[in-house]
Amino acid sequence: MPLGDGQRFERRLAKKGQARIERMHDPVRGTATVVSSSSPTDSVGEGVAAWNGCTLTCVLQADGVSAQTAHERALTSPTNRWPYPNVVLPITLDRAEPSNWVVHWAEMTTARQASDSQAEALAASIRGAPASAPSPGSGPDDQLARLQKLGELHASGVLTDAEFDAQKAKILGS
């Protein structure tokens, strides 16, 4: 199946980001917590890879780097993963030059995935059931998938630290 324009653009942007990371003197994975962002100028359907320029104010954090404010103008952002306030972006930054950072857009959940997760967590709490209850006979692959999903919910701010720890303990059976 041939790639659409959005997919080609996403791959090209990922290559440019990887090239920037390779030029970093001391790259480290971290996070950028969005404090404010511009609004997407158009809305698109799920699965459409439309990209717009975005202006962000974030707090960057990484091992060996003090938390700091960052302002980024005209950052190319996918509209289906738009960085609204309180979203935590996965990044790589240069410890030698912390103002040099790259967002890993492909690692983020889409807005629809985040909404679905929030709706399921709310429905589970209304039903009185845990959001990530282990299913009988679940294997290690299923357990890993649930832990990854739980991590995404925690990173996106849907779950508090305490909720994350409680659900993780249930999944691991401890």
C-alpha atoms as a PDB file:
ATOM      1  CA  MET A   1       0.000   0.000   0.000  1.00  0.00           C
ATOM      2  CA  PRO A   2       1.579   3.323  -1.027  1.00  0.00           C
ATOM      3  CA  LEU A   3       2.269   5.966   1.602  1.00  0.00           C
ATOM      4  CA  GLY A   4       0.016   9.010   1.739  1.00  0.00           C
ATOM      5  CA  ASP A   5       1.382  12.547   1.850  1.00  0.00           C
ATOM      6  CA  GLY A   6       0.901  12.689   5.631  1.00  0.00           C
ATOM      7  CA  GLN A   7       2.846   9.464   6.168  1.00  0.00           C
ATOM      8  CA  ARG A   8       5.686  10.628   3.915  1.00  0.00           C
ATOM      9  CA  PHE A   9       5.814  13.929   5.794  1.00  0.00           C
ATOM     10  CA  GLU A  10       5.822  12.104   9.156  1.00  0.00           C
ATOM     11  CA  ARG A  11       8.737   9.900   8.068  1.00  0.00           C
ATOM     12  CA  ARG A  12      10.665  12.882   6.709  1.00  0.00           C
ATOM     13  CA  LEU A  13      10.118  14.778   9.971  1.00  0.00           C
ATOM     14  CA  ALA A  14      11.212  11.724  12.002  1.00  0.00           C
ATOM     15  CA  LYS A  15      14.416  11.495   9.933  1.00  0.00           C
ATOM     16  CA  LYS A  16      15.110  15.199  10.488  1.00  0.00           C
ATOM     17  CA  GLY A  17      14.531  14.726  14.224  1.00  0.00           C
ATOM     18  CA  GLN A  18      16.868  11.717  14.297  1.00  0.00           C
ATOM     19  CA  ALA A  19      19.529  13.727  12.444  1.00  0.00           C
ATOM     20  CA  ARG A  20      19.218  16.501  15.058  1.00  0.00           C
ATOM     21  CA  ILE A  21      19.584  13.931  17.850  1.00  0.00           C
ATOM     22  CA  GLU A  22      22.694  12.471  16.188  1.00  0.00           C
ATOM     23  CA  ARG A  23      24.272  15.967  16.166  1.00  0.00           C
ATOM     24  CA  MET A  24      23.635  16.428  19.909  1.00  0.00           C
ATOM     25  CA  HIS A  25      26.716  16.304  22.150  1.00  0.00           C
ATOM     26  CA  ASP A  26      24.996  14.564  25.087  1.00  0.00           C
ATOM     27  CA  PRO A  27      21.455  13.402  24.176  1.00  0.00           C
ATOM     28  CA  VAL A  28      19.126  12.148  26.904  1.00  0.00           C
ATOM     29  CA  ARG A  29      15.460  11.131  26.922  1.00  0.00           C
ATOM     30  CA  GLY A  30      13.151  13.358  28.902  1.00  0.00           C
ATOM     31  CA  THR A  31       9.768  15.022  28.924  1.00  0.00           C
ATOM     32  CA  ALA A  32       8.282  18.363  28.007  1.00  0.00           C
ATOM     33  CA  THR A  33       5.150  19.197  29.990  1.00  0.00           C
ATOM     34  CA  VAL A  34       3.023  21.585  27.946  1.00  0.00           C
ATOM     35  CA  VAL A  35       2.007  24.733  29.827  1.00  0.00           C
ATOM     36  CA  SER A  36       0.438  26.505  26.866  1.00  0.00           C
ATOM     37  CA  SER A  37       0.099  25.942  23.147  1.00  0.00           C
ATOM     38  CA  SER A  38      -1.393  27.581  20.120  1.00  0.00           C
ATOM     39  CA  SER A  39      -4.552  26.016  18.688  1.00  0.00           C
ATOM     40  CA  PRO A  40      -4.609  23.813  15.604  1.00  0.00           C
ATOM     41  CA  THR A  41      -5.917  25.854  12.700  1.00  0.00           C
ATOM     42  CA  ASP A  42      -7.883  23.041  11.126  1.00  0.00           C
ATOM     43  CA  SER A  43      -9.579  19.906  12.304  1.00  0.00           C
ATOM     44  CA  VAL A  44      -9.087  16.577  10.648  1.00  0.00           C
ATOM     45  CA  GLY A  45     -10.599  13.143  10.952  1.00  0.00           C
ATOM     46  CA  GLU A  46      -8.964  10.260  12.816  1.00  0.00           C
ATOM     47  CA  GLY A  47      -6.132   8.688  10.877  1.00  0.00           C
ATOM     48  CA  VAL A  48      -5.421  11.795   8.817  1.00  0.00           C
ATOM     49  CA  ALA A  49      -1.846  12.913   9.307  1.00  0.00           C
ATOM     50  CA  ALA A  50      -2.216  16.676   8.994  1.00  0.00           C
ATOM     51  CA  TRP A  51       0.522  18.870  10.437  1.00  0.00           C
ATOM     52  CA  ASN A  52       0.560  22.491  11.528  1.00  0.00           C
ATOM     53  CA  GLY A  53       2.970  24.933  13.062  1.00  0.00           C
ATOM     54  CA  CYS A  54       2.623  25.106  16.838  1.00  0.00           C
ATOM     55  CA  THR A  55       3.904  27.533  19.443  1.00  0.00           C
ATOM     56  CA  LEU A  56       4.565  25.971  22.852  1.00  0.00           C
ATOM     57  CA  THR A  57       5.608  26.918  26.334  1.00  0.00           C
ATOM     58  CA  CYS A  58       6.854  23.834  28.161  1.00  0.00           C
ATOM     59  CA  VAL A  59       8.779  22.688  31.189  1.00  0.00           C
ATOM     60  CA  LEU A  60      11.607  20.397  30.091  1.00  0.00           C
ATOM     61  CA  GLN A  61      12.883  17.663  32.386  1.00  0.00           C
ATOM     62  CA  ALA A  62      15.550  14.981  31.961  1.00  0.00           C
ATOM     63  CA  ASP A  63      18.165  13.177  34.019  1.00  0.00           C
ATOM     64  CA  GLY A  64      21.093  15.495  34.633  1.00  0.00           C
ATOM     65  CA  VAL A  65      19.192  18.595  33.502  1.00  0.00           C
ATOM     66  CA  SER A  66      17.459  20.995  35.872  1.00  0.00           C
ATOM     67  CA  ALA A  67      13.796  21.585  35.054  1.00  0.00           C
ATOM     68  CA  GLN A  68      13.537  24.626  32.824  1.00  0.00           C
ATOM     69  CA  THR A  69      11.095  26.624  30.778  1.00  0.00           C
ATOM     70  CA  ALA A  70      11.247  26.349  27.015  1.00  0.00           C
ATOM     71  CA  HIS A  71       9.480  28.370  24.346  1.00  0.00           C
ATOM     72  CA  GLU A  72       9.271  26.869  20.897  1.00  0.00           C
ATOM     73  CA  ARG A  73       7.849  28.662  17.877  1.00  0.00           C
ATOM     74  CA  ALA A  74       6.639  27.069  14.664  1.00  0.00           C
ATOM     75  CA  LEU A  75       7.197  23.540  15.937  1.00  0.00           C
ATOM     76  CA  THR A  76       5.683  21.175  13.378  1.00  0.00           C
ATOM     77  CA  SER A  77       3.013  19.184  15.166  1.00  0.00           C
ATOM     78  CA  PRO A  78       0.508  16.543  14.033  1.00  0.00           C
ATOM     79  CA  THR A  79      -3.024  17.827  14.549  1.00  0.00           C
ATOM     80  CA  ASN A  80      -4.233  14.422  15.771  1.00  0.00           C
ATOM     81  CA  ARG A  81      -1.597  14.512  18.555  1.00  0.00           C
ATOM     82  CA  TRP A  82      -1.897  18.223  19.313  1.00  0.00           C
ATOM     83  CA  PRO A  83       0.051  19.266  22.433  1.00  0.00           C
ATOM     84  CA  TYR A  84      -2.643  20.806  24.634  1.00  0.00           C
ATOM     85  CA  PRO A  85      -1.775  22.117  28.132  1.00  0.00           C
ATOM     86  CA  ASN A  86      -0.843  19.407  30.675  1.00  0.00           C
ATOM     87  CA  VAL A  87       0.132  16.919  27.954  1.00  0.00           C
ATOM     88  CA  VAL A  88       3.539  15.352  28.564  1.00  0.00           C
ATOM     89  CA  LEU A  89       5.594  15.061  25.383  1.00  0.00           C
ATOM     90  CA  PRO A  90       8.342  12.433  25.042  1.00  0.00           C
ATOM     91  CA  ILE A  91      11.526  14.247  23.995  1.00  0.00           C
ATOM     92  CA  THR A  92      15.251  13.902  23.553  1.00  0.00           C
ATOM     93  CA  LEU A  93      17.286  16.910  24.612  1.00  0.00           C
ATOM     94  CA  ASP A  94      20.952  17.776  24.604  1.00  0.00           C
ATOM     95  CA  ARG A  95      22.323  18.021  28.156  1.00  0.00           C
ATOM     96  CA  ALA A  96      25.109  20.232  26.784  1.00  0.00           C
ATOM     97  CA  GLU A  97      22.520  22.561  25.164  1.00  0.00           C
ATOM     98  CA  PRO A  98      19.090  21.934  26.768  1.00  0.00           C
ATOM     99  CA  SER A  99      17.402  24.411  24.437  1.00  0.00           C
ATOM    100  CA  ASN A 100      18.058  21.849  21.673  1.00  0.00           C
ATOM    101  CA  TRP A 101      15.259  19.268  21.913  1.00  0.00           C
ATOM    102  CA  VAL A 102      13.233  16.988  19.663  1.00  0.00           C
ATOM    103  CA  VAL A 103       9.677  15.734  20.242  1.00  0.00           C
ATOM    104  CA  HIS A 104       8.958  12.056  19.482  1.00  0.00           C
ATOM    105  CA  TRP A 105       5.468  12.547  18.002  1.00  0.00           C
ATOM    106  CA  ALA A 106       5.061   8.926  16.901  1.00  0.00           C
ATOM    107  CA  GLU A 107       5.284   7.793  20.545  1.00  0.00           C
ATOM    108  CA  MET A 108       2.285   9.863  21.592  1.00  0.00           C
ATOM    109  CA  THR A 109      -1.272   8.642  21.618  1.00  0.00           C
ATOM    110  CA  THR A 110      -3.704  10.370  19.313  1.00  0.00           C
ATOM    111  CA  ALA A 111      -6.378  12.639  20.741  1.00  0.00           C
ATOM    112  CA  ARG A 112      -8.952   9.961  19.969  1.00  0.00           C
ATOM    113  CA  GLN A 113      -6.951   7.269  21.799  1.00  0.00           C
ATOM    114  CA  ALA A 114      -6.572   9.547  24.838  1.00  0.00           C
ATOM    115  CA  SER A 115     -10.304  10.352  24.809  1.00  0.00           C
ATOM    116  CA  ASP A 116     -11.202   6.673  24.502  1.00  0.00           C
ATOM    117  CA  SER A 117      -8.920   5.850  27.450  1.00  0.00           C
ATOM    118  CA  GLN A 118     -10.433   8.611  29.577  1.00  0.00           C
ATOM    119  CA  ALA A 119     -13.960   7.467  28.693  1.00  0.00           C
ATOM    120  CA  GLU A 120     -13.143   3.835  29.528  1.00  0.00           C
ATOM    121  CA  ALA A 121     -11.532   4.841  32.848  1.00  0.00           C
ATOM    122  CA  LEU A 122     -14.619   6.909  33.722  1.00  0.00           C
ATOM    123  CA  ALA A 123     -16.992   4.104  32.703  1.00  0.00           C
ATOM    124  CA  ALA A 124     -14.964   1.601  34.759  1.00  0.00           C
ATOM    125  CA  SER A 125     -15.063   3.853  37.815  1.00  0.00           C
ATOM    126  CA  ILE A 126     -18.836   4.290  37.430  1.00  0.00           C
ATOM    127  CA  ARG A 127     -19.223   0.509  37.172  1.00  0.00           C
ATOM    128  CA  GLY A 128     -17.019   0.187  40.261  1.00  0.00           C
ATOM    129  CA  ALA A 129     -14.443  -1.870  38.368  1.00  0.00           C
ATOM    130  CA  PRO A 130     -10.744  -1.092  38.037  1.00  0.00           C
ATOM    131  CA  ALA A 131      -9.823   0.415  34.668  1.00  0.00           C
ATOM    132  CA  SER A 132      -7.086  -2.148  34.041  1.00  0.00           C
ATOM    133  CA  ALA A 133      -8.444  -5.279  35.690  1.00  0.00           C
ATOM    134  CA  PRO A 134      -6.448  -8.349  34.672  1.00  0.00           C
ATOM    135  CA  SER A 135      -8.380 -10.901  32.690  1.00  0.00           C
ATOM    136  CA  PRO A 136      -8.291 -14.570  33.686  1.00  0.00           C
ATOM    137  CA  GLY A 137      -5.568 -16.552  31.927  1.00  0.00           C
ATOM    138  CA  SER A 138      -3.786 -13.475  30.649  1.00  0.00           C
ATOM    139  CA  GLY A 139      -0.242 -14.156  29.534  1.00  0.00           C
ATOM    140  CA  PRO A 140       2.928 -12.081  29.753  1.00  0.00           C
ATOM    141  CA  ASP A 141       2.259 -10.400  26.383  1.00  0.00           C
ATOM    142  CA  ASP A 142      -1.179  -9.259  27.556  1.00  0.00           C
ATOM    143  CA  GLN A 143       0.327  -8.123  30.854  1.00  0.00           C
ATOM    144  CA  LEU A 144       2.983  -6.103  29.006  1.00  0.00           C
ATOM    145  CA  ALA A 145       0.322  -4.527  26.771  1.00  0.00           C
ATOM    146  CA  ARG A 146      -1.722  -3.516  29.829  1.00  0.00           C
ATOM    147  CA  LEU A 147       1.379  -2.059  31.508  1.00  0.00           C
ATOM    148  CA  GLN A 148       2.212  -0.068  28.364  1.00  0.00           C
ATOM    149  CA  LYS A 149      -1.361   1.262  28.159  1.00  0.00           C
ATOM    150  CA  LEU A 150      -1.252   2.117  31.855  1.00  0.00           C
ATOM    151  CA  GLY A 151       2.002   4.012  31.296  1.00  0.00           C
ATOM    152  CA  GLU A 152       0.387   5.969  28.456  1.00  0.00           C
ATOM    153  CA  LEU A 153      -2.573   6.894  30.659  1.00  0.00           C
ATOM    154  CA  HIS A 154      -0.191   8.025  33.404  1.00  0.00           C
ATOM    155  CA  ALA A 155       2.012  10.005  30.997  1.00  0.00           C
ATOM    156  CA  SER A 156      -1.019  11.738  29.473  1.00  0.00           C
ATOM    157  CA  GLY A 157      -2.259  12.775  32.920  1.00  0.00           C
ATOM    158  CA  VAL A 158      -5.369  10.572  32.960  1.00  0.00           C
ATOM    159  CA  LEU A 159      -4.049   8.675  36.006  1.00  0.00           C
ATOM    160  CA  THR A 160      -2.450  10.204  39.085  1.00  0.00           C
ATOM    161  CA  ASP A 161       0.759   8.717  40.502  1.00  0.00           C
ATOM    162  CA  ALA A 162      -1.248   6.901  43.179  1.00  0.00           C
ATOM    163  CA  GLU A 163      -3.764   5.509  40.668  1.00  0.00           C
ATOM    164  CA  PHE A 164      -0.918   4.423  38.405  1.00  0.00           C
ATOM    165  CA  ASP A 165       0.886   2.631  41.262  1.00  0.00           C
ATOM    166  CA  ALA A 166      -2.322   0.887  42.397  1.00  0.00           C
ATOM    167  CA  GLN A 167      -3.221  -0.328  38.892  1.00  0.00           C
ATOM    168  CA  LYS A 168       0.359  -1.415  38.201  1.00  0.00           C
ATOM    169  CA  ALA A 169       0.348  -3.495  41.397  1.00  0.00           C
ATOM    170  CA  LYS A 170      -2.921  -5.154  40.296  1.00  0.00           C
ATOM    171  CA  ILE A 171      -1.529  -5.990  36.863  1.00  0.00           C
ATOM    172  CA  LEU A 172       1.659  -7.413  38.346  1.00  0.00           C
ATOM    173  CA  GLY A 173      -0.311  -9.269  41.013  1.00  0.00           C
ATOM    174  CA  SER A 174       1.644  -7.731  43.875  1.00  0.00           C
END
